[in-house]
Amino acid sequence: MRVRRIGFLLSRRWLVFLVVVIALAWLAWRLGEWQFDRLADRKERNAIIERNEALPPAPVTEVLAVGDEVGADEQWRVVEATGTYDVDDTVVVRYRSRDGASGVDLVVPLVLDDGTSLLVDRGWVAADADSTPDELPQPPAGEVTITAWVRQDGTGGSTTVTDHSTRAISSERIGEALDRPVLGGFADLRSESPEPETPLRQAELPELDNGPHFFYGLQWWFFGLLAVFGFFYLVYDEWRGVRRPSRRHGSHADDPPEPAADLEHDAHQG
């Protein structure tokens, strides 16, 4: 009788239900692991930024070189460079927003003493998404000394350069478009000496918190446990539904039947 009461688990409906619950639990577990992996990556990134920000500025040619990619350990490293801005080769980086306002970033090559150029993202200026301001704020003239944060190149089709305009900064693509040797990666401006007449809104270090990944990971794992708990609760509820009718029709359904002779004796006694 006990086997009969749980036999409903072998029905097609319950077997499909079980497979769905297992799939949901596995998916929730994997999504939770993915969030905790992102948390580990963010902690590693934060540690690199904190370490690099604490180091004194390094000469740019000790960190960057023509044709070399920027490594993850060099992201947000502070470098120092002296040279002259080539304003005629300014590249406008479109579709950049700050605080909900549309604008563009201005990338200007800083020509170094050896003839190579460092691509410097001097900062952001407000502009319509599909247009370039008629007059771009000018950098300091003559020899300039800057400090800046090293950044990795962008990738993909958004790095295409057309008419001194792009959507993502790639030293390789910009170097080809400008036909000049440029150092790998680019630099987000931190300071300029002398200072420009019209300063731009410069980049800032990313926030160094751990983000929401820990709680997102816990939420996904909770959802997976909830799916498993819900399945077993429904199994229990179904089992109770099967058990109740058997008790309703006979309180001793599992007891063996009485012998016929005993039944006849009881009838005569009555």
C-alpha atoms as a PDB file:
ATOM      1  CA  MET A   1       0.000   0.000   0.000  1.00  0.00           C
ATOM      2  CA  ARG A   2       2.845   2.398   0.749  1.00  0.00           C
ATOM      3  CA  VAL A   3       4.251   1.889  -2.756  1.00  0.00           C
ATOM      4  CA  ARG A   4       0.792   2.502  -4.194  1.00  0.00           C
ATOM      5  CA  ARG A   5       0.522   5.816  -2.320  1.00  0.00           C
ATOM      6  CA  ILE A   6       3.705   7.211  -3.869  1.00  0.00           C
ATOM      7  CA  GLY A   7       3.098   5.637  -7.254  1.00  0.00           C
ATOM      8  CA  PHE A   8       1.863   8.990  -8.560  1.00  0.00           C
ATOM      9  CA  LEU A   9       5.531  10.069  -8.762  1.00  0.00           C
ATOM     10  CA  LEU A  10       5.939   7.743 -11.737  1.00  0.00           C
ATOM     11  CA  SER A  11       3.234   9.504 -13.712  1.00  0.00           C
ATOM     12  CA  ARG A  12       4.248  11.541 -16.728  1.00  0.00           C
ATOM     13  CA  ARG A  13       3.131  14.782 -15.113  1.00  0.00           C
ATOM     14  CA  TRP A  14       5.300  14.330 -12.043  1.00  0.00           C
ATOM     15  CA  LEU A  15       8.313  13.095 -13.988  1.00  0.00           C
ATOM     16  CA  VAL A  16       8.195  16.190 -16.217  1.00  0.00           C
ATOM     17  CA  PHE A  17       7.753  18.338 -13.132  1.00  0.00           C
ATOM     18  CA  LEU A  18      10.838  16.729 -11.550  1.00  0.00           C
ATOM     19  CA  VAL A  19      12.954  17.344 -14.653  1.00  0.00           C
ATOM     20  CA  VAL A  20      11.878  21.001 -14.751  1.00  0.00           C
ATOM     21  CA  VAL A  21      12.737  21.490 -11.060  1.00  0.00           C
ATOM     22  CA  ILE A  22      16.158  19.890 -11.502  1.00  0.00           C
ATOM     23  CA  ALA A  23      16.842  22.132 -14.506  1.00  0.00           C
ATOM     24  CA  LEU A  24      15.753  25.252 -12.606  1.00  0.00           C
ATOM     25  CA  ALA A  25      17.849  24.340  -9.568  1.00  0.00           C
ATOM     26  CA  TRP A  26      20.912  23.691 -11.748  1.00  0.00           C
ATOM     27  CA  LEU A  27      20.433  26.973 -13.613  1.00  0.00           C
ATOM     28  CA  ALA A  28      20.049  28.913 -10.373  1.00  0.00           C
ATOM     29  CA  TRP A  29      23.212  27.290  -8.992  1.00  0.00           C
ATOM     30  CA  ARG A  30      25.199  28.179 -12.114  1.00  0.00           C
ATOM     31  CA  LEU A  31      23.944  31.768 -12.108  1.00  0.00           C
ATOM     32  CA  GLY A  32      24.920  32.073  -8.459  1.00  0.00           C
ATOM     33  CA  GLU A  33      28.415  30.781  -9.231  1.00  0.00           C
ATOM     34  CA  TRP A  34      28.638  33.265 -12.111  1.00  0.00           C
ATOM     35  CA  GLN A  35      27.826  36.143  -9.759  1.00  0.00           C
ATOM     36  CA  PHE A  36      30.456  35.001  -7.255  1.00  0.00           C
ATOM     37  CA  ASP A  37      32.994  34.707 -10.087  1.00  0.00           C
ATOM     38  CA  ARG A  38      32.203  38.306 -11.050  1.00  0.00           C
ATOM     39  CA  LEU A  39      32.672  39.291  -7.417  1.00  0.00           C
ATOM     40  CA  ALA A  40      36.133  37.696  -7.426  1.00  0.00           C
ATOM     41  CA  ASP A  41      37.015  39.511 -10.671  1.00  0.00           C
ATOM     42  CA  ARG A  42      35.843  42.826  -9.220  1.00  0.00           C
ATOM     43  CA  LYS A  43      37.891  42.353  -6.066  1.00  0.00           C
ATOM     44  CA  GLU A  44      40.934  41.587  -8.204  1.00  0.00           C
ATOM     45  CA  ARG A  45      40.311  44.695 -10.338  1.00  0.00           C
ATOM     46  CA  ASN A  46      39.910  46.848  -7.228  1.00  0.00           C
ATOM     47  CA  ALA A  47      43.163  45.545  -5.806  1.00  0.00           C
ATOM     48  CA  ILE A  48      44.982  46.399  -9.065  1.00  0.00           C
ATOM     49  CA  ILE A  49      43.525  49.921  -9.131  1.00  0.00           C
ATOM     50  CA  GLU A  50      44.389  50.581  -5.482  1.00  0.00           C
ATOM     51  CA  ARG A  51      47.934  49.339  -5.994  1.00  0.00           C
ATOM     52  CA  ASN A  52      48.494  51.307  -9.205  1.00  0.00           C
ATOM     53  CA  GLU A  53      46.974  54.496  -7.802  1.00  0.00           C
ATOM     54  CA  ALA A  54      49.350  54.327  -4.821  1.00  0.00           C
ATOM     55  CA  LEU A  55      52.445  54.067  -7.041  1.00  0.00           C
ATOM     56  CA  PRO A  56      54.283  57.257  -8.079  1.00  0.00           C
ATOM     57  CA  PRO A  57      53.787  58.346 -11.721  1.00  0.00           C
ATOM     58  CA  ALA A  58      56.010  56.390 -14.095  1.00  0.00           C
ATOM     59  CA  PRO A  59      57.480  57.685 -17.384  1.00  0.00           C
ATOM     60  CA  VAL A  60      55.003  56.702 -20.061  1.00  0.00           C
ATOM     61  CA  THR A  61      57.605  54.935 -22.205  1.00  0.00           C
ATOM     62  CA  GLU A  62      58.355  52.571 -19.291  1.00  0.00           C
ATOM     63  CA  VAL A  63      54.766  51.354 -19.299  1.00  0.00           C
ATOM     64  CA  LEU A  64      53.562  51.705 -22.900  1.00  0.00           C
ATOM     65  CA  ALA A  65      55.190  50.946 -26.231  1.00  0.00           C
ATOM     66  CA  VAL A  66      54.202  51.105 -29.895  1.00  0.00           C
ATOM     67  CA  GLY A  67      52.310  47.970 -30.904  1.00  0.00           C
ATOM     68  CA  ASP A  68      52.059  46.578 -27.356  1.00  0.00           C
ATOM     69  CA  GLU A  69      48.777  45.832 -25.640  1.00  0.00           C
ATOM     70  CA  VAL A  70      48.018  47.113 -22.164  1.00  0.00           C
ATOM     71  CA  GLY A  71      47.934  44.276 -19.656  1.00  0.00           C
ATOM     72  CA  ALA A  72      45.298  43.938 -16.951  1.00  0.00           C
ATOM     73  CA  ASP A  73      47.920  44.725 -14.290  1.00  0.00           C
ATOM     74  CA  GLU A  74      48.673  48.049 -16.003  1.00  0.00           C
ATOM     75  CA  GLN A  75      45.078  49.308 -16.045  1.00  0.00           C
ATOM     76  CA  TRP A  76      44.791  52.645 -14.196  1.00  0.00           C
ATOM     77  CA  ARG A  77      48.554  52.905 -13.749  1.00  0.00           C
ATOM     78  CA  VAL A  78      49.531  56.564 -13.393  1.00  0.00           C
ATOM     79  CA  VAL A  79      52.045  57.708 -16.019  1.00  0.00           C
ATOM     80  CA  GLU A  80      53.733  61.010 -16.769  1.00  0.00           C
ATOM     81  CA  ALA A  81      54.586  62.377 -20.207  1.00  0.00           C
ATOM     82  CA  THR A  82      55.894  65.588 -21.748  1.00  0.00           C
ATOM     83  CA  GLY A  83      55.195  66.612 -25.321  1.00  0.00           C
ATOM     84  CA  THR A  84      53.114  68.786 -27.627  1.00  0.00           C
ATOM     85  CA  TYR A  85      49.477  68.268 -28.509  1.00  0.00           C
ATOM     86  CA  ASP A  86      48.676  67.865 -32.202  1.00  0.00           C
ATOM     87  CA  VAL A  87      45.269  69.549 -32.198  1.00  0.00           C
ATOM     88  CA  ASP A  88      44.706  68.980 -35.927  1.00  0.00           C
ATOM     89  CA  ASP A  89      44.509  65.234 -35.304  1.00  0.00           C
ATOM     90  CA  THR A  90      41.918  65.427 -32.553  1.00  0.00           C
ATOM     91  CA  VAL A  91      39.588  62.408 -32.608  1.00  0.00           C
ATOM     92  CA  VAL A  92      36.033  62.817 -31.357  1.00  0.00           C
ATOM     93  CA  VAL A  93      34.634  59.853 -29.393  1.00  0.00           C
ATOM     94  CA  ARG A  94      30.867  59.949 -29.771  1.00  0.00           C
ATOM     95  CA  TYR A  95      27.999  58.705 -27.611  1.00  0.00           C
ATOM     96  CA  ARG A  96      29.564  59.468 -24.257  1.00  0.00           C
ATOM     97  CA  SER A  97      27.219  60.565 -21.487  1.00  0.00           C
ATOM     98  CA  ARG A  98      27.706  62.092 -18.049  1.00  0.00           C
ATOM     99  CA  ASP A  99      24.891  62.345 -15.522  1.00  0.00           C
ATOM    100  CA  GLY A 100      22.345  61.628 -18.240  1.00  0.00           C
ATOM    101  CA  ALA A 101      23.632  64.352 -20.592  1.00  0.00           C
ATOM    102  CA  SER A 102      24.958  63.432 -24.048  1.00  0.00           C
ATOM    103  CA  GLY A 103      28.389  64.511 -25.169  1.00  0.00           C
ATOM    104  CA  VAL A 104      31.715  63.516 -26.675  1.00  0.00           C
ATOM    105  CA  ASP A 105      35.234  62.786 -25.459  1.00  0.00           C
ATOM    106  CA  LEU A 106      38.180  64.482 -27.129  1.00  0.00           C
ATOM    107  CA  VAL A 107      41.250  62.353 -27.816  1.00  0.00           C
ATOM    108  CA  VAL A 108      44.324  64.357 -28.794  1.00  0.00           C
ATOM    109  CA  PRO A 109      47.733  62.857 -29.716  1.00  0.00           C
ATOM    110  CA  LEU A 110      50.539  64.081 -27.459  1.00  0.00           C
ATOM    111  CA  VAL A 111      53.703  64.007 -29.594  1.00  0.00           C
ATOM    112  CA  LEU A 112      56.694  62.880 -27.527  1.00  0.00           C
ATOM    113  CA  ASP A 113      60.384  63.700 -28.043  1.00  0.00           C
ATOM    114  CA  ASP A 114      61.016  60.447 -29.929  1.00  0.00           C
ATOM    115  CA  GLY A 115      58.271  61.209 -32.481  1.00  0.00           C
ATOM    116  CA  THR A 116      55.756  58.689 -31.142  1.00  0.00           C
ATOM    117  CA  SER A 117      52.401  59.832 -29.818  1.00  0.00           C
ATOM    118  CA  LEU A 118      50.377  59.067 -26.723  1.00  0.00           C
ATOM    119  CA  LEU A 119      46.612  59.156 -27.276  1.00  0.00           C
ATOM    120  CA  VAL A 120      45.235  61.307 -24.467  1.00  0.00           C
ATOM    121  CA  ASP A 121      41.539  61.343 -23.686  1.00  0.00           C
ATOM    122  CA  ARG A 122      41.442  64.909 -22.391  1.00  0.00           C
ATOM    123  CA  GLY A 123      37.867  64.628 -21.162  1.00  0.00           C
ATOM    124  CA  TRP A 124      34.207  65.136 -21.916  1.00  0.00           C
ATOM    125  CA  VAL A 125      32.290  68.057 -23.417  1.00  0.00           C
ATOM    126  CA  ALA A 126      28.516  68.344 -23.811  1.00  0.00           C
ATOM    127  CA  ALA A 127      27.236  67.856 -27.371  1.00  0.00           C
ATOM    128  CA  ASP A 128      24.366  66.308 -29.307  1.00  0.00           C
ATOM    129  CA  ALA A 129      24.801  62.601 -29.867  1.00  0.00           C
ATOM    130  CA  ASP A 130      25.041  62.936 -33.658  1.00  0.00           C
ATOM    131  CA  SER A 131      27.049  66.146 -33.941  1.00  0.00           C
ATOM    132  CA  THR A 132      30.373  67.681 -33.008  1.00  0.00           C
ATOM    133  CA  PRO A 133      30.618  71.080 -31.294  1.00  0.00           C
ATOM    134  CA  ASP A 134      31.561  73.852 -33.730  1.00  0.00           C
ATOM    135  CA  GLU A 135      34.417  74.942 -31.494  1.00  0.00           C
ATOM    136  CA  LEU A 136      36.280  72.324 -29.513  1.00  0.00           C
ATOM    137  CA  PRO A 137      37.997  73.407 -26.290  1.00  0.00           C
ATOM    138  CA  GLN A 138      41.703  73.724 -27.014  1.00  0.00           C
ATOM    139  CA  PRO A 139      44.486  72.070 -25.017  1.00  0.00           C
ATOM    140  CA  PRO A 140      47.452  74.080 -23.732  1.00  0.00           C
ATOM    141  CA  ALA A 141      49.757  75.242 -26.506  1.00  0.00           C
ATOM    142  CA  GLY A 142      53.459  74.412 -26.632  1.00  0.00           C
ATOM    143  CA  GLU A 143      55.179  71.899 -24.413  1.00  0.00           C
ATOM    144  CA  VAL A 144      52.856  70.239 -21.895  1.00  0.00           C
ATOM    145  CA  THR A 145      53.498  67.853 -19.037  1.00  0.00           C
ATOM    146  CA  ILE A 146      50.636  65.567 -18.130  1.00  0.00           C
ATOM    147  CA  THR A 147      49.800  62.798 -15.721  1.00  0.00           C
ATOM    148  CA  ALA A 148      47.212  60.255 -16.834  1.00  0.00           C
ATOM    149  CA  TRP A 149      45.731  56.849 -16.144  1.00  0.00           C
ATOM    150  CA  VAL A 150      46.643  54.039 -18.523  1.00  0.00           C
ATOM    151  CA  ARG A 151      43.677  52.360 -20.199  1.00  0.00           C
ATOM    152  CA  GLN A 152      43.205  49.313 -22.407  1.00  0.00           C
ATOM    153  CA  ASP A 153      42.082  49.653 -26.016  1.00  0.00           C
ATOM    154  CA  GLY A 154      38.481  49.095 -26.999  1.00  0.00           C
ATOM    155  CA  THR A 155      37.617  46.237 -29.334  1.00  0.00           C
ATOM    156  CA  GLY A 156      35.044  45.402 -31.991  1.00  0.00           C
ATOM    157  CA  GLY A 157      33.371  47.358 -34.752  1.00  0.00           C
ATOM    158  CA  SER A 158      32.813  50.411 -32.555  1.00  0.00           C
ATOM    159  CA  THR A 159      36.532  51.240 -32.823  1.00  0.00           C
ATOM    160  CA  THR A 160      36.262  52.112 -36.535  1.00  0.00           C
ATOM    161  CA  VAL A 161      37.540  55.635 -37.208  1.00  0.00           C
ATOM    162  CA  THR A 162      35.773  57.783 -39.826  1.00  0.00           C
ATOM    163  CA  ASP A 163      36.549  61.482 -40.388  1.00  0.00           C
ATOM    164  CA  HIS A 164      38.382  61.760 -37.077  1.00  0.00           C
ATOM    165  CA  SER A 165      35.420  60.246 -35.250  1.00  0.00           C
ATOM    166  CA  THR A 166      34.888  56.938 -33.451  1.00  0.00           C
ATOM    167  CA  ARG A 167      32.736  55.304 -30.817  1.00  0.00           C
ATOM    168  CA  ALA A 168      35.490  53.521 -28.863  1.00  0.00           C
ATOM    169  CA  ILE A 169      39.187  54.224 -28.512  1.00  0.00           C
ATOM    170  CA  SER A 170      41.646  51.835 -30.142  1.00  0.00           C
ATOM    171  CA  SER A 171      45.266  52.935 -30.502  1.00  0.00           C
ATOM    172  CA  GLU A 172      45.711  50.583 -33.462  1.00  0.00           C
ATOM    173  CA  ARG A 173      42.713  51.936 -35.386  1.00  0.00           C
ATOM    174  CA  ILE A 174      43.416  55.572 -34.555  1.00  0.00           C
ATOM    175  CA  GLY A 175      47.108  55.180 -35.396  1.00  0.00           C
ATOM    176  CA  GLU A 176      46.182  53.765 -38.813  1.00  0.00           C
ATOM    177  CA  ALA A 177      43.630  56.524 -39.435  1.00  0.00           C
ATOM    178  CA  LEU A 178      46.052  59.291 -38.445  1.00  0.00           C
ATOM    179  CA  ASP A 179      49.033  57.577 -40.123  1.00  0.00           C
ATOM    180  CA  ARG A 180      51.298  58.064 -37.141  1.00  0.00           C
ATOM    181  CA  PRO A 181      53.071  55.768 -34.652  1.00  0.00           C
ATOM    182  CA  VAL A 182      51.159  55.694 -31.369  1.00  0.00           C
ATOM    183  CA  LEU A 183      51.800  53.936 -28.090  1.00  0.00           C
ATOM    184  CA  GLY A 184      49.577  50.959 -27.349  1.00  0.00           C
ATOM    185  CA  GLY A 185      46.504  51.717 -25.282  1.00  0.00           C
ATOM    186  CA  PHE A 186      45.507  55.251 -24.367  1.00  0.00           C
ATOM    187  CA  ALA A 187      45.488  57.535 -21.322  1.00  0.00           C
ATOM    188  CA  ASP A 188      42.693  59.236 -19.413  1.00  0.00           C
ATOM    189  CA  LEU A 189      43.924  62.698 -18.482  1.00  0.00           C
ATOM    190  CA  ARG A 190      44.539  63.342 -14.799  1.00  0.00           C
ATOM    191  CA  SER A 191      46.367  66.702 -14.847  1.00  0.00           C
ATOM    192  CA  GLU A 192      47.965  69.119 -17.313  1.00  0.00           C
ATOM    193  CA  SER A 193      50.699  71.695 -16.817  1.00  0.00           C
ATOM    194  CA  PRO A 194      50.186  74.393 -17.912  1.00  0.00           C
ATOM    195  CA  GLU A 195      46.430  74.270 -17.396  1.00  0.00           C
ATOM    196  CA  PRO A 196      44.084  74.878 -20.363  1.00  0.00           C
ATOM    197  CA  GLU A 197      41.875  77.940 -20.658  1.00  0.00           C
ATOM    198  CA  THR A 198      38.782  75.723 -20.875  1.00  0.00           C
ATOM    199  CA  PRO A 199      39.153  72.547 -18.808  1.00  0.00           C
ATOM    200  CA  LEU A 200      37.153  69.487 -19.798  1.00  0.00           C
ATOM    201  CA  ARG A 201      35.317  67.142 -17.502  1.00  0.00           C
ATOM    202  CA  GLN A 202      37.892  64.456 -16.890  1.00  0.00           C
ATOM    203  CA  ALA A 203      37.561  60.750 -16.195  1.00  0.00           C
ATOM    204  CA  GLU A 204      37.379  59.467 -12.661  1.00  0.00           C
ATOM    205  CA  LEU A 205      38.533  56.271 -11.035  1.00  0.00           C
ATOM    206  CA  PRO A 206      35.818  53.612 -10.942  1.00  0.00           C
ATOM    207  CA  GLU A 207      34.119  52.932  -7.638  1.00  0.00           C
ATOM    208  CA  LEU A 208      36.067  50.426  -5.588  1.00  0.00           C
ATOM    209  CA  ASP A 209      33.165  48.705  -3.860  1.00  0.00           C
ATOM    210  CA  ASN A 210      32.256  45.061  -4.388  1.00  0.00           C
ATOM    211  CA  GLY A 211      29.013  45.834  -6.174  1.00  0.00           C
ATOM    212  CA  PRO A 212      25.828  43.755  -5.803  1.00  0.00           C
ATOM    213  CA  HIS A 213      27.322  40.436  -6.935  1.00  0.00           C
ATOM    214  CA  PHE A 214      27.410  38.805  -3.472  1.00  0.00           C
ATOM    215  CA  PHE A 215      23.716  39.385  -2.820  1.00  0.00           C
ATOM    216  CA  TYR A 216      22.774  38.462  -6.393  1.00  0.00           C
ATOM    217  CA  GLY A 217      24.627  35.181  -5.978  1.00  0.00           C
ATOM    218  CA  LEU A 218      22.817  34.436  -2.720  1.00  0.00           C
ATOM    219  CA  GLN A 219      19.476  35.276  -4.359  1.00  0.00           C
ATOM    220  CA  TRP A 220      20.049  32.826  -7.208  1.00  0.00           C
ATOM    221  CA  TRP A 221      20.997  30.045  -4.784  1.00  0.00           C
ATOM    222  CA  PHE A 222      17.939  30.843  -2.673  1.00  0.00           C
ATOM    223  CA  PHE A 223      15.721  30.547  -5.758  1.00  0.00           C
ATOM    224  CA  GLY A 224      17.245  27.139  -6.495  1.00  0.00           C
ATOM    225  CA  LEU A 225      16.606  25.903  -2.942  1.00  0.00           C
ATOM    226  CA  LEU A 226      13.094  27.330  -3.086  1.00  0.00           C
ATOM    227  CA  ALA A 227      12.368  25.335  -6.250  1.00  0.00           C
ATOM    228  CA  VAL A 228      13.567  22.105  -4.594  1.00  0.00           C
ATOM    229  CA  PHE A 229      11.638  22.810  -1.390  1.00  0.00           C
ATOM    230  CA  GLY A 230       8.501  23.636  -3.377  1.00  0.00           C
ATOM    231  CA  PHE A 231       8.736  20.346  -5.275  1.00  0.00           C
ATOM    232  CA  PHE A 232       8.979  18.246  -2.115  1.00  0.00           C
ATOM    233  CA  TYR A 233       6.175  20.205  -0.484  1.00  0.00           C
ATOM    234  CA  LEU A 234       3.905  19.501  -3.458  1.00  0.00           C
ATOM    235  CA  VAL A 235       4.905  15.832  -3.319  1.00  0.00           C
ATOM    236  CA  TYR A 236       3.936  15.757   0.358  1.00  0.00           C
ATOM    237  CA  ASP A 237       0.663  17.543  -0.353  1.00  0.00           C
ATOM    238  CA  GLU A 238      -0.172  15.063  -3.126  1.00  0.00           C
ATOM    239  CA  TRP A 239       0.736  12.139  -0.855  1.00  0.00           C
ATOM    240  CA  ARG A 240      -1.665  13.434   1.813  1.00  0.00           C
ATOM    241  CA  GLY A 241      -4.394  13.674  -0.820  1.00  0.00           C
ATOM    242  CA  VAL A 242      -3.868  10.019  -1.758  1.00  0.00           C
ATOM    243  CA  ARG A 243      -3.767   8.906   1.878  1.00  0.00           C
ATOM    244  CA  ARG A 244      -6.944  10.617   3.079  1.00  0.00           C
ATOM    245  CA  PRO A 245      -9.410   8.665   0.872  1.00  0.00           C
ATOM    246  CA  SER A 246      -7.997   5.358   2.081  1.00  0.00           C
ATOM    247  CA  ARG A 247      -8.633   6.379   5.702  1.00  0.00           C
ATOM    248  CA  ARG A 248     -12.070   7.727   4.851  1.00  0.00           C
ATOM    249  CA  HIS A 249     -13.199   4.363   3.375  1.00  0.00           C
ATOM    250  CA  GLY A 250     -11.666   2.243   6.122  1.00  0.00           C
ATOM    251  CA  SER A 251      -9.709   3.204   9.186  1.00  0.00           C
ATOM    252  CA  HIS A 252      -7.863  -0.134   9.057  1.00  0.00           C
ATOM    253  CA  ALA A 253      -7.382  -0.477   5.342  1.00  0.00           C
ATOM    254  CA  ASP A 254      -4.058  -2.253   5.835  1.00  0.00           C
ATOM    255  CA  ASP A 255      -5.472  -4.878   8.286  1.00  0.00           C
ATOM    256  CA  PRO A 256      -6.216  -8.405   6.941  1.00  0.00           C
ATOM    257  CA  PRO A 257      -9.928  -9.300   6.459  1.00  0.00           C
ATOM    258  CA  GLU A 258     -11.696 -11.238   9.198  1.00  0.00           C
ATOM    259  CA  PRO A 259     -12.391 -14.966   8.566  1.00  0.00           C
ATOM    260  CA  ALA A 260     -15.874 -15.847   7.253  1.00  0.00           C
ATOM    261  CA  ALA A 261     -16.628 -18.088  10.250  1.00  0.00           C
ATOM    262  CA  ASP A 262     -16.081 -15.267  12.666  1.00  0.00           C
ATOM    263  CA  LEU A 263     -18.423 -13.086  10.646  1.00  0.00           C
ATOM    264  CA  GLU A 264     -21.213 -15.736  10.785  1.00  0.00           C
ATOM    265  CA  HIS A 265     -20.745 -16.152  14.557  1.00  0.00           C
ATOM    266  CA  ASP A 266     -21.073 -12.430  15.021  1.00  0.00           C
ATOM    267  CA  ALA A 267     -24.262 -12.449  12.925  1.00  0.00           C
ATOM    268  CA  HIS A 268     -25.910 -15.196  15.125  1.00  0.00           C
ATOM    269  CA  GLN A 269     -24.906 -13.362  18.240  1.00  0.00           C
ATOM    270  CA  GLY A 270     -26.700 -10.358  16.870  1.00  0.00           C
END
